[in-house]
């Protein structure tokens, strides 16, 4: 194709080209997290179902097969659950980053 043909095609589609980024930005990305049982969460590109286990032990997170287990004390609110999960994600990245940076 000649360069002029490509220019004419691009100019004809200019309105749609400019509209597309706005359309993508307005699109909803993810549902807000509530940190409840059977809620989908992602780690390392894989989907896990959250399992919230209440008990009298220190808060913790762990991956088990297709489940992400969140252990919390009874009555822990959503904000605290979110903080525990966020801390776990940060720890995962801190462990994985040094070998990748060294490479």
PDB file of N, CA and C in Angstrom:
ATOM      1  N   UNK A   1       0.842  -1.189   0.000  1.00  0.00           N
ATOM      2  CA  UNK A   1       0.000   0.000   0.000  1.00  0.00           C
ATOM      3  C   UNK A   1       0.874   1.234   0.000  1.00  0.00           C
ATOM      4  N   UNK A   2       0.381   2.238  -0.645  1.00  0.00           N
ATOM      5  CA  UNK A   2       1.142   3.482  -0.666  1.00  0.00           C
ATOM      6  C   UNK A   2       0.907   4.239   0.644  1.00  0.00           C
ATOM      7  N   UNK A   3       1.816   5.126   0.957  1.00  0.00           N
ATOM      8  CA  UNK A   3       1.724   5.930   2.172  1.00  0.00           C
ATOM      9  C   UNK A   3       0.481   6.815   2.145  1.00  0.00           C
ATOM     10  N   UNK A   4       0.108   7.330   0.988  1.00  0.00           N
ATOM     11  CA  UNK A   4      -1.087   8.169   0.866  1.00  0.00           C
ATOM     12  C   UNK A   4      -2.355   7.377   1.172  1.00  0.00           C
ATOM     13  N   UNK A   5      -2.425   6.138   0.738  1.00  0.00           N
ATOM     14  CA  UNK A   5      -3.590   5.289   1.017  1.00  0.00           C
ATOM     15  C   UNK A   5      -3.732   5.042   2.515  1.00  0.00           C
ATOM     16  N   UNK A   6      -2.606   4.804   3.166  1.00  0.00           N
ATOM     17  CA  UNK A   6      -2.620   4.575   4.619  1.00  0.00           C
ATOM     18  C   UNK A   6      -3.064   5.839   5.350  1.00  0.00           C
ATOM     19  N   UNK A   7      -2.586   7.004   4.918  1.00  0.00           N
ATOM     20  CA  UNK A   7      -2.980   8.286   5.535  1.00  0.00           C
ATOM     21  C   UNK A   7      -4.485   8.521   5.399  1.00  0.00           C
ATOM     22  N   UNK A   8      -5.023   8.280   4.219  1.00  0.00           N
ATOM     23  CA  UNK A   8      -6.452   8.486   3.984  1.00  0.00           C
ATOM     24  C   UNK A   8      -7.267   7.555   4.874  1.00  0.00           C
ATOM     25  N   UNK A   9      -6.828   6.315   5.005  1.00  0.00           N
ATOM     26  CA  UNK A   9      -7.530   5.364   5.858  1.00  0.00           C
ATOM     27  C   UNK A   9      -7.498   5.826   7.320  1.00  0.00           C
ATOM     28  N   UNK A  10      -6.325   6.239   7.797  1.00  0.00           N
ATOM     29  CA  UNK A  10      -6.185   6.685   9.186  1.00  0.00           C
ATOM     30  C   UNK A  10      -7.033   7.931   9.448  1.00  0.00           C
ATOM     31  N   UNK A  11      -7.069   8.860   8.518  1.00  0.00           N
ATOM     32  CA  UNK A  11      -7.875  10.074   8.670  1.00  0.00           C
ATOM     33  C   UNK A  11      -9.357   9.723   8.708  1.00  0.00           C
ATOM     34  N   UNK A  12      -9.767   8.760   7.909  1.00  0.00           N
ATOM     35  CA  UNK A  12     -11.173   8.350   7.892  1.00  0.00           C
ATOM     36  C   UNK A  12     -11.577   7.722   9.223  1.00  0.00           C
ATOM     37  N   UNK A  13     -10.643   7.095   9.899  1.00  0.00           N
ATOM     38  CA  UNK A  13     -10.936   6.418  11.172  1.00  0.00           C
ATOM     39  C   UNK A  13     -10.536   7.247  12.392  1.00  0.00           C
ATOM     40  N   UNK A  14     -10.144   8.488  12.200  1.00  0.00           N
ATOM     41  CA  UNK A  14      -9.626   9.325  13.279  1.00  0.00           C
ATOM     42  C   UNK A  14     -10.623   9.509  14.429  1.00  0.00           C
ATOM     43  N   UNK A  15     -11.890   9.707  14.117  1.00  0.00           N
ATOM     44  CA  UNK A  15     -12.903   9.872  15.166  1.00  0.00           C
ATOM     45  C   UNK A  15     -12.968   8.656  16.073  1.00  0.00           C
ATOM     46  N   UNK A  16     -12.971   7.492  15.484  1.00  0.00           N
ATOM     47  CA  UNK A  16     -13.036   6.252  16.262  1.00  0.00           C
ATOM     48  C   UNK A  16     -11.751   6.032  17.054  1.00  0.00           C
ATOM     49  N   UNK A  17     -10.623   6.369  16.451  1.00  0.00           N
ATOM     50  CA  UNK A  17      -9.333   6.207  17.121  1.00  0.00           C
ATOM     51  C   UNK A  17      -9.281   7.082  18.375  1.00  0.00           C
ATOM     52  N   UNK A  18      -9.784   8.307  18.290  1.00  0.00           N
ATOM     53  CA  UNK A  18      -9.783   9.213  19.442  1.00  0.00           C
ATOM     54  C   UNK A  18     -10.806   8.806  20.492  1.00  0.00           C
ATOM     55  N   UNK A  19     -11.870   8.178  20.082  1.00  0.00           N
ATOM     56  CA  UNK A  19     -12.930   7.769  21.007  1.00  0.00           C
ATOM     57  C   UNK A  19     -12.513   6.532  21.814  1.00  0.00           C
ATOM     58  N   UNK A  20     -11.725   5.677  21.256  1.00  0.00           N
ATOM     59  CA  UNK A  20     -11.380   4.407  21.888  1.00  0.00           C
ATOM     60  C   UNK A  20     -10.702   4.554  23.253  1.00  0.00           C
ATOM     61  N   UNK A  21      -9.684   5.410  23.435  1.00  0.00           N
ATOM     62  CA  UNK A  21      -9.069   5.533  24.764  1.00  0.00           C
ATOM     63  C   UNK A  21     -10.059   5.987  25.836  1.00  0.00           C
ATOM     64  N   UNK A  22     -10.956   6.910  25.494  1.00  0.00           N
ATOM     65  CA  UNK A  22     -11.970   7.353  26.464  1.00  0.00           C
ATOM     66  C   UNK A  22     -12.875   6.199  26.854  1.00  0.00           C
ATOM     67  N   UNK A  23     -13.261   5.414  25.877  1.00  0.00           N
ATOM     68  CA  UNK A  23     -14.134   4.273  26.122  1.00  0.00           C
ATOM     69  C   UNK A  23     -13.453   3.274  27.064  1.00  0.00           C
ATOM     70  N   UNK A  24     -12.171   3.034  26.842  1.00  0.00           N
ATOM     71  CA  UNK A  24     -11.429   2.107  27.688  1.00  0.00           C
ATOM     72  C   UNK A  24     -11.248   2.658  29.107  1.00  0.00           C
ATOM     73  N   UNK A  25     -11.015   3.958  29.247  1.00  0.00           N
ATOM     74  CA  UNK A  25     -10.830   4.554  30.564  1.00  0.00           C
ATOM     75  C   UNK A  25     -12.116   4.545  31.375  1.00  0.00           C
ATOM     76  N   UNK A  26     -13.262   4.653  30.733  1.00  0.00           N
ATOM     77  CA  UNK A  26     -14.539   4.674  31.433  1.00  0.00           C
ATOM     78  C   UNK A  26     -14.998   3.272  31.825  1.00  0.00           C
ATOM     79  N   UNK A  27     -14.387   2.269  31.267  1.00  0.00           N
ATOM     80  CA  UNK A  27     -14.773   0.894  31.523  1.00  0.00           C
ATOM     81  C   UNK A  27     -14.408   0.508  32.960  1.00  0.00           C
ATOM     82  N   UNK A  28     -15.337  -0.161  33.646  1.00  0.00           N
ATOM     83  CA  UNK A  28     -15.078  -0.597  35.011  1.00  0.00           C
ATOM     84  C   UNK A  28     -14.051  -1.713  34.990  1.00  0.00           C
ATOM     85  N   UNK A  29     -13.091  -1.634  35.867  1.00  0.00           N
ATOM     86  CA  UNK A  29     -11.982  -2.593  35.874  1.00  0.00           C
ATOM     87  C   UNK A  29     -12.263  -3.812  36.738  1.00  0.00           C
ATOM     88  N   UNK A  30     -12.516  -3.607  38.003  1.00  0.00           N
ATOM     89  CA  UNK A  30     -12.725  -4.711  38.932  1.00  0.00           C
ATOM     90  C   UNK A  30     -13.822  -4.334  39.900  1.00  0.00           C
ATOM     91  N   UNK A  31     -14.483  -5.330  40.406  1.00  0.00           N
ATOM     92  CA  UNK A  31     -15.477  -5.056  41.437  1.00  0.00           C
ATOM     93  C   UNK A  31     -14.742  -4.740  42.732  1.00  0.00           C
ATOM     94  N   UNK A  32     -15.288  -3.867  43.553  1.00  0.00           N
ATOM     95  CA  UNK A  32     -14.633  -3.566  44.835  1.00  0.00           C
ATOM     96  C   UNK A  32     -14.566  -4.821  45.708  1.00  0.00           C
ATOM     97  N   UNK A  33     -13.469  -4.988  46.387  1.00  0.00           N
ATOM     98  CA  UNK A  33     -13.274  -6.154  47.244  1.00  0.00           C
ATOM     99  C   UNK A  33     -13.980  -5.954  48.577  1.00  0.00           C
ATOM    100  N   UNK A  34     -14.555  -7.043  49.098  1.00  0.00           N
ATOM    101  CA  UNK A  34     -15.221  -7.007  50.400  1.00  0.00           C
ATOM    102  C   UNK A  34     -14.560  -7.961  51.388  1.00  0.00           C
ATOM    103  N   UNK A  35     -13.621  -8.792  50.910  1.00  0.00           N
ATOM    104  CA  UNK A  35     -12.866  -9.729  51.737  1.00  0.00           C
ATOM    105  C   UNK A  35     -13.789 -10.704  52.468  1.00  0.00           C
ATOM    106  N   UNK A  36     -14.645 -11.339  51.675  1.00  0.00           N
ATOM    107  CA  UNK A  36     -15.596 -12.329  52.168  1.00  0.00           C
ATOM    108  C   UNK A  36     -15.258 -13.696  51.573  1.00  0.00           C
ATOM    109  N   UNK A  37     -15.806 -14.755  52.167  1.00  0.00           N
ATOM    110  CA  UNK A  37     -15.597 -16.109  51.648  1.00  0.00           C
ATOM    111  C   UNK A  37     -16.004 -16.209  50.176  1.00  0.00           C
ATOM    112  N   UNK A  38     -15.239 -16.989  49.429  1.00  0.00           N
ATOM    113  CA  UNK A  38     -15.496 -17.314  48.024  1.00  0.00           C
ATOM    114  C   UNK A  38     -15.405 -16.108  47.088  1.00  0.00           C
ATOM    115  N   UNK A  39     -14.717 -15.080  47.513  1.00  0.00           N
ATOM    116  CA  UNK A  39     -14.482 -13.908  46.667  1.00  0.00           C
ATOM    117  C   UNK A  39     -13.210 -14.186  45.855  1.00  0.00           C
ATOM    118  N   UNK A  40     -13.194 -13.791  44.607  1.00  0.00           N
ATOM    119  CA  UNK A  40     -12.031 -14.022  43.746  1.00  0.00           C
ATOM    120  C   UNK A  40     -10.926 -13.018  44.030  1.00  0.00           C
ATOM    121  N   UNK A  41      -9.711 -13.540  44.158  1.00  0.00           N
ATOM    122  CA  UNK A  41      -8.510 -12.713  44.294  1.00  0.00           C
ATOM    123  C   UNK A  41      -7.458 -13.319  43.388  1.00  0.00           C
ATOM    124  N   UNK A  42      -6.489 -12.518  42.999  1.00  0.00           N
ATOM    125  CA  UNK A  42      -5.462 -12.987  42.084  1.00  0.00           C
ATOM    126  C   UNK A  42      -4.085 -12.872  42.718  1.00  0.00           C
ATOM    127  N   UNK A  43      -3.255 -13.883  42.460  1.00  0.00           N
ATOM    128  CA  UNK A  43      -1.856 -13.864  42.887  1.00  0.00           C
ATOM    129  C   UNK A  43      -1.038 -14.554  41.815  1.00  0.00           C
ATOM    130  N   UNK A  44       0.001 -13.871  41.339  1.00  0.00           N
ATOM    131  CA  UNK A  44       0.901 -14.410  40.340  1.00  0.00           C
ATOM    132  C   UNK A  44       0.174 -14.889  39.084  1.00  0.00           C
ATOM    133  N   UNK A  45      -0.855 -14.144  38.685  1.00  0.00           N
ATOM    134  CA  UNK A  45      -1.574 -14.429  37.456  1.00  0.00           C
ATOM    135  C   UNK A  45      -2.589 -15.552  37.556  1.00  0.00           C
ATOM    136  N   UNK A  46      -2.829 -16.035  38.745  1.00  0.00           N
ATOM    137  CA  UNK A  46      -3.772 -17.128  38.933  1.00  0.00           C
ATOM    138  C   UNK A  46      -4.900 -16.676  39.857  1.00  0.00           C
ATOM    139  N   UNK A  47      -6.104 -17.142  39.574  1.00  0.00           N
ATOM    140  CA  UNK A  47      -7.280 -16.784  40.368  1.00  0.00           C
ATOM    141  C   UNK A  47      -7.424 -17.735  41.540  1.00  0.00           C
ATOM    142  N   UNK A  48      -7.660 -17.161  42.725  1.00  0.00           N
ATOM    143  CA  UNK A  48      -7.874 -17.943  43.940  1.00  0.00           C
ATOM    144  C   UNK A  48      -9.192 -17.508  44.580  1.00  0.00           C
ATOM    145  N   UNK A  49      -9.862 -18.439  45.238  1.00  0.00           N
ATOM    146  CA  UNK A  49     -11.051 -18.104  46.006  1.00  0.00           C
ATOM    147  C   UNK A  49     -10.624 -17.858  47.441  1.00  0.00           C
ATOM    148  N   UNK A  50     -11.060 -16.745  47.988  1.00  0.00           N
ATOM    149  CA  UNK A  50     -10.694 -16.379  49.349  1.00  0.00           C
ATOM    150  C   UNK A  50     -11.481 -17.228  50.346  1.00  0.00           C
ATOM    151  N   UNK A  51     -10.785 -17.750  51.327  1.00  0.00           N
ATOM    152  CA  UNK A  51     -11.415 -18.474  52.426  1.00  0.00           C
ATOM    153  C   UNK A  51     -11.045 -17.731  53.701  1.00  0.00           C
ATOM    154  N   UNK A  52     -12.027 -17.166  54.378  1.00  0.00           N
ATOM    155  CA  UNK A  52     -11.787 -16.422  55.608  1.00  0.00           C
ATOM    156  C   UNK A  52     -12.010 -17.374  56.781  1.00  0.00           C
ATOM    157  N   UNK A  53     -10.961 -17.567  57.578  1.00  0.00           N
ATOM    158  CA  UNK A  53     -11.020 -18.456  58.732  1.00  0.00           C
ATOM    159  C   UNK A  53     -10.825 -17.605  59.982  1.00  0.00           C
ATOM    160  N   UNK A  54     -11.829 -17.600  60.849  1.00  0.00           N
ATOM    161  CA  UNK A  54     -11.736 -16.823  62.079  1.00  0.00           C
ATOM    162  C   UNK A  54     -11.252 -17.724  63.206  1.00  0.00           C
ATOM    163  N   UNK A  55     -10.321 -17.209  64.015  1.00  0.00           N
ATOM    164  CA  UNK A  55      -9.788 -17.958  65.141  1.00  0.00           C
ATOM    165  C   UNK A  55      -8.956 -17.058  66.024  1.00  0.00           C
ATOM    166  N   UNK A  56      -8.612 -17.549  67.195  1.00  0.00           N
ATOM    167  CA  UNK A  56      -7.812 -16.760  68.135  1.00  0.00           C
ATOM    168  C   UNK A  56      -6.323 -16.975  67.892  1.00  0.00           C
ATOM    169  N   UNK A  57      -5.879 -16.521  66.754  1.00  0.00           N
ATOM    170  CA  UNK A  57      -4.465 -16.609  66.391  1.00  0.00           C
ATOM    171  C   UNK A  57      -4.088 -15.339  65.643  1.00  0.00           C
ATOM    172  N   UNK A  58      -2.807 -15.148  65.458  1.00  0.00           N
ATOM    173  CA  UNK A  58      -2.334 -13.959  64.740  1.00  0.00           C
ATOM    174  C   UNK A  58      -2.835 -13.999  63.300  1.00  0.00           C
ATOM    175  N   UNK A  59      -3.147 -12.842  62.727  1.00  0.00           N
ATOM    176  CA  UNK A  59      -3.596 -12.796  61.332  1.00  0.00           C
ATOM    177  C   UNK A  59      -2.526 -13.349  60.386  1.00  0.00           C
ATOM    178  N   UNK A  60      -2.966 -14.053  59.357  1.00  0.00           N
ATOM    179  CA  UNK A  60      -2.024 -14.641  58.397  1.00  0.00           C
ATOM    180  C   UNK A  60      -2.726 -14.883  57.070  1.00  0.00           C
ATOM    181  N   UNK A  61      -1.911 -15.002  56.029  1.00  0.00           N
ATOM    182  CA  UNK A  61      -2.398 -15.329  54.677  1.00  0.00           C
ATOM    183  C   UNK A  61      -1.550 -16.462  54.145  1.00  0.00           C
ATOM    184  N   UNK A  62      -2.171 -17.362  53.388  1.00  0.00           N
ATOM    185  CA  UNK A  62      -1.424 -18.424  52.722  1.00  0.00           C
ATOM    186  C   UNK A  62      -2.192 -18.912  51.497  1.00  0.00           C
ATOM    187  N   UNK A  63      -1.455 -19.437  50.540  1.00  0.00           N
ATOM    188  CA  UNK A  63      -2.062 -20.018  49.349  1.00  0.00           C
ATOM    189  C   UNK A  63      -2.116 -21.520  49.515  1.00  0.00           C
ATOM    190  N   UNK A  64      -3.285 -22.101  49.230  1.00  0.00           N
ATOM    191  CA  UNK A  64      -3.462 -23.552  49.278  1.00  0.00           C
ATOM    192  C   UNK A  64      -4.189 -23.972  48.004  1.00  0.00           C
ATOM    193  N   UNK A  65      -3.475 -24.592  47.095  1.00  0.00           N
ATOM    194  CA  UNK A  65      -4.046 -25.063  45.827  1.00  0.00           C
ATOM    195  C   UNK A  65      -4.812 -23.941  45.124  1.00  0.00           C
ATOM    196  N   UNK A  66      -6.151 -23.972  45.154  1.00  0.00           N
ATOM    197  CA  UNK A  66      -6.932 -22.933  44.461  1.00  0.00           C
ATOM    198  C   UNK A  66      -7.593 -21.976  45.448  1.00  0.00           C
ATOM    199  N   UNK A  67      -7.113 -21.996  46.699  1.00  0.00           N
ATOM    200  CA  UNK A  67      -7.692 -21.123  47.724  1.00  0.00           C
ATOM    201  C   UNK A  67      -6.635 -20.196  48.304  1.00  0.00           C
ATOM    202  N   UNK A  68      -7.067 -19.013  48.671  1.00  0.00           N
ATOM    203  CA  UNK A  68      -6.246 -18.049  49.384  1.00  0.00           C
ATOM    204  C   UNK A  68      -6.860 -17.960  50.782  1.00  0.00           C
ATOM    205  N   UNK A  69      -6.164 -18.466  51.775  1.00  0.00           N
ATOM    206  CA  UNK A  69      -6.711 -18.562  53.123  1.00  0.00           C
ATOM    207  C   UNK A  69      -6.283 -17.342  53.939  1.00  0.00           C
ATOM    208  N   UNK A  70      -7.268 -16.627  54.435  1.00  0.00           N
ATOM    209  CA  UNK A  70      -7.047 -15.453  55.278  1.00  0.00           C
ATOM    210  C   UNK A  70      -7.481 -15.812  56.693  1.00  0.00           C
ATOM    211  N   UNK A  71      -6.526 -15.860  57.609  1.00  0.00           N
ATOM    212  CA  UNK A  71      -6.838 -16.176  59.008  1.00  0.00           C
ATOM    213  C   UNK A  71      -6.887 -14.871  59.798  1.00  0.00           C
ATOM    214  N   UNK A  72      -8.019 -14.625  60.444  1.00  0.00           N
ATOM    215  CA  UNK A  72      -8.216 -13.399  61.220  1.00  0.00           C
ATOM    216  C   UNK A  72      -8.900 -13.727  62.543  1.00  0.00           C
ATOM    217  N   UNK A  73      -8.858 -12.768  63.444  1.00  0.00           N
ATOM    218  CA  UNK A  73      -9.570 -12.923  64.714  1.00  0.00           C
ATOM    219  C   UNK A  73     -11.061 -12.663  64.480  1.00  0.00           C
ATOM    220  N   UNK A  74     -11.928 -13.243  65.302  1.00  0.00           N
ATOM    221  CA  UNK A  74     -13.370 -13.015  65.136  1.00  0.00           C
ATOM    222  C   UNK A  74     -13.707 -11.522  65.238  1.00  0.00           C
ATOM    223  N   UNK A  75     -14.579 -11.071  64.348  1.00  0.00           N
ATOM    224  CA  UNK A  75     -15.023  -9.680  64.360  1.00  0.00           C
ATOM    225  C   UNK A  75     -14.105  -8.707  63.645  1.00  0.00           C
ATOM    226  N   UNK A  76     -13.111  -9.194  62.929  1.00  0.00           N
ATOM    227  CA  UNK A  76     -12.200  -8.315  62.196  1.00  0.00           C
ATOM    228  C   UNK A  76     -12.961  -7.622  61.073  1.00  0.00           C
ATOM    229  N   UNK A  77     -12.841  -6.293  60.996  1.00  0.00           N
ATOM    230  CA  UNK A  77     -13.590  -5.537  59.983  1.00  0.00           C
ATOM    231  C   UNK A  77     -12.909  -5.597  58.612  1.00  0.00           C
ATOM    232  N   UNK A  78     -13.621  -5.107  57.617  1.00  0.00           N
ATOM    233  CA  UNK A  78     -13.158  -5.170  56.226  1.00  0.00           C
ATOM    234  C   UNK A  78     -11.851  -4.410  56.028  1.00  0.00           C
ATOM    235  N   UNK A  79     -11.708  -3.255  56.664  1.00  0.00           N
ATOM    236  CA  UNK A  79     -10.494  -2.453  56.504  1.00  0.00           C
ATOM    237  C   UNK A  79      -9.268  -3.208  57.011  1.00  0.00           C
ATOM    238  N   UNK A  80      -9.396  -3.880  58.128  1.00  0.00           N
ATOM    239  CA  UNK A  80      -8.274  -4.644  58.689  1.00  0.00           C
ATOM    240  C   UNK A  80      -7.952  -5.845  57.804  1.00  0.00           C
ATOM    241  N   UNK A  81      -8.985  -6.512  57.275  1.00  0.00           N
ATOM    242  CA  UNK A  81      -8.753  -7.634  56.365  1.00  0.00           C
ATOM    243  C   UNK A  81      -8.000  -7.163  55.123  1.00  0.00           C
ATOM    244  N   UNK A  82      -8.422  -6.024  54.618  1.00  0.00           N
ATOM    245  CA  UNK A  82      -7.757  -5.460  53.442  1.00  0.00           C
ATOM    246  C   UNK A  82      -6.291  -5.161  53.741  1.00  0.00           C
ATOM    247  N   UNK A  83      -6.011  -4.622  54.922  1.00  0.00           N
ATOM    248  CA  UNK A  83      -4.630  -4.312  55.305  1.00  0.00           C
ATOM    249  C   UNK A  83      -3.782  -5.576  55.393  1.00  0.00           C
ATOM    250  N   UNK A  84      -4.337  -6.644  55.923  1.00  0.00           N
ATOM    251  CA  UNK A  84      -3.607  -7.914  56.038  1.00  0.00           C
ATOM    252  C   UNK A  84      -3.273  -8.464  54.656  1.00  0.00           C
ATOM    253  N   UNK A  85      -4.253  -8.427  53.757  1.00  0.00           N
ATOM    254  CA  UNK A  85      -4.035  -8.927  52.392  1.00  0.00           C
ATOM    255  C   UNK A  85      -3.012  -8.057  51.662  1.00  0.00           C
ATOM    256  N   UNK A  86      -3.110  -6.742  51.817  1.00  0.00           N
ATOM    257  CA  UNK A  86      -2.172  -5.828  51.157  1.00  0.00           C
ATOM    258  C   UNK A  86      -0.745  -6.067  51.658  1.00  0.00           C
ATOM    259  N   UNK A  87      -0.591  -6.288  52.953  1.00  0.00           N
ATOM    260  CA  UNK A  87       0.732  -6.569  53.525  1.00  0.00           C
ATOM    261  C   UNK A  87       1.284  -7.869  52.942  1.00  0.00           C
ATOM    262  N   UNK A  88       0.436  -8.873  52.804  1.00  0.00           N
ATOM    263  CA  UNK A  88       0.865 -10.147  52.237  1.00  0.00           C
ATOM    264  C   UNK A  88       1.348  -9.969  50.800  1.00  0.00           C
ATOM    265  N   UNK A  89       0.582  -9.201  49.998  1.00  0.00           N
ATOM    266  CA  UNK A  89       0.988  -8.945  48.613  1.00  0.00           C
ATOM    267  C   UNK A  89       2.352  -8.246  48.573  1.00  0.00           C
ATOM    268  N   UNK A  90       2.555  -7.251  49.438  1.00  0.00           N
ATOM    269  CA  UNK A  90       3.841  -6.541  49.475  1.00  0.00           C
ATOM    270  C   UNK A  90       4.980  -7.505  49.812  1.00  0.00           C
ATOM    271  N   UNK A  91       4.767  -8.397  50.777  1.00  0.00           N
ATOM    272  CA  UNK A  91       5.795  -9.373  51.140  1.00  0.00           C
ATOM    273  C   UNK A  91       6.123 -10.294  49.964  1.00  0.00           C
ATOM    274  N   UNK A  92       5.103 -10.691  49.221  1.00  0.00           N
ATOM    275  CA  UNK A  92       5.321 -11.554  48.059  1.00  0.00           C
ATOM    276  C   UNK A  92       6.198 -10.862  47.020  1.00  0.00           C
ATOM    277  N   UNK A  93       5.936  -9.602  46.764  1.00  0.00           N
ATOM    278  CA  UNK A  93       6.715  -8.842  45.781  1.00  0.00           C
ATOM    279  C   UNK A  93       8.141  -8.632  46.287  1.00  0.00           C
ATOM    280  N   UNK A  94       8.294  -8.347  47.580  1.00  0.00           N
ATOM    281  CA  UNK A  94       9.635  -8.156  48.142  1.00  0.00           C
ATOM    282  C   UNK A  94      10.479  -9.419  48.021  1.00  0.00           C
ATOM    283  N   UNK A  95       9.858 -10.582  48.148  1.00  0.00           N
ATOM    284  CA  UNK A  95      10.589 -11.850  47.996  1.00  0.00           C
ATOM    285  C   UNK A  95      10.930 -12.142  46.538  1.00  0.00           C
ATOM    286  N   UNK A  96      10.030 -11.796  45.638  1.00  0.00           N
ATOM    287  CA  UNK A  96      10.222 -12.142  44.225  1.00  0.00           C
ATOM    288  C   UNK A  96      11.094 -11.140  43.475  1.00  0.00           C
ATOM    289  N   UNK A  97      11.148  -9.904  43.927  1.00  0.00           N
ATOM    290  CA  UNK A  97      11.831  -8.854  43.178  1.00  0.00           C
ATOM    291  C   UNK A  97      13.354  -9.015  43.109  1.00  0.00           C
ATOM    292  N   UNK A  98      14.078  -9.294  44.205  1.00  0.00           N
ATOM    293  CA  UNK A  98      15.548  -9.339  44.108  1.00  0.00           C
ATOM    294  C   UNK A  98      16.109 -10.267  43.026  1.00  0.00           C
ATOM    295  N   UNK A  99      15.622 -11.521  42.899  1.00  0.00           N
ATOM    296  CA  UNK A  99      16.166 -12.354  41.813  1.00  0.00           C
ATOM    297  C   UNK A  99      15.876 -11.783  40.428  1.00  0.00           C
ATOM    298  N   UNK A 100      14.705 -11.165  40.275  1.00  0.00           N
ATOM    299  CA  UNK A 100      14.365 -10.591  38.970  1.00  0.00           C
ATOM    300  C   UNK A 100      15.226  -9.377  38.667  1.00  0.00           C
ATOM    301  N   UNK A 101      15.489  -8.556  39.670  1.00  0.00           N
ATOM    302  CA  UNK A 101      16.349  -7.377  39.478  1.00  0.00           C
ATOM    303  C   UNK A 101      17.782  -7.805  39.167  1.00  0.00           C
ATOM    304  N   UNK A 102      18.247  -8.841  39.852  1.00  0.00           N
ATOM    305  CA  UNK A 102      19.613  -9.338  39.617  1.00  0.00           C
ATOM    306  C   UNK A 102      19.776  -9.867  38.198  1.00  0.00           C
ATOM    307  N   UNK A 103      18.702 -10.430  37.658  1.00  0.00           N
ATOM    308  CA  UNK A 103      18.765 -10.963  36.306  1.00  0.00           C
ATOM    309  C   UNK A 103      18.797  -9.840  35.303  1.00  0.00           C
TER     310      UNK A 103
END
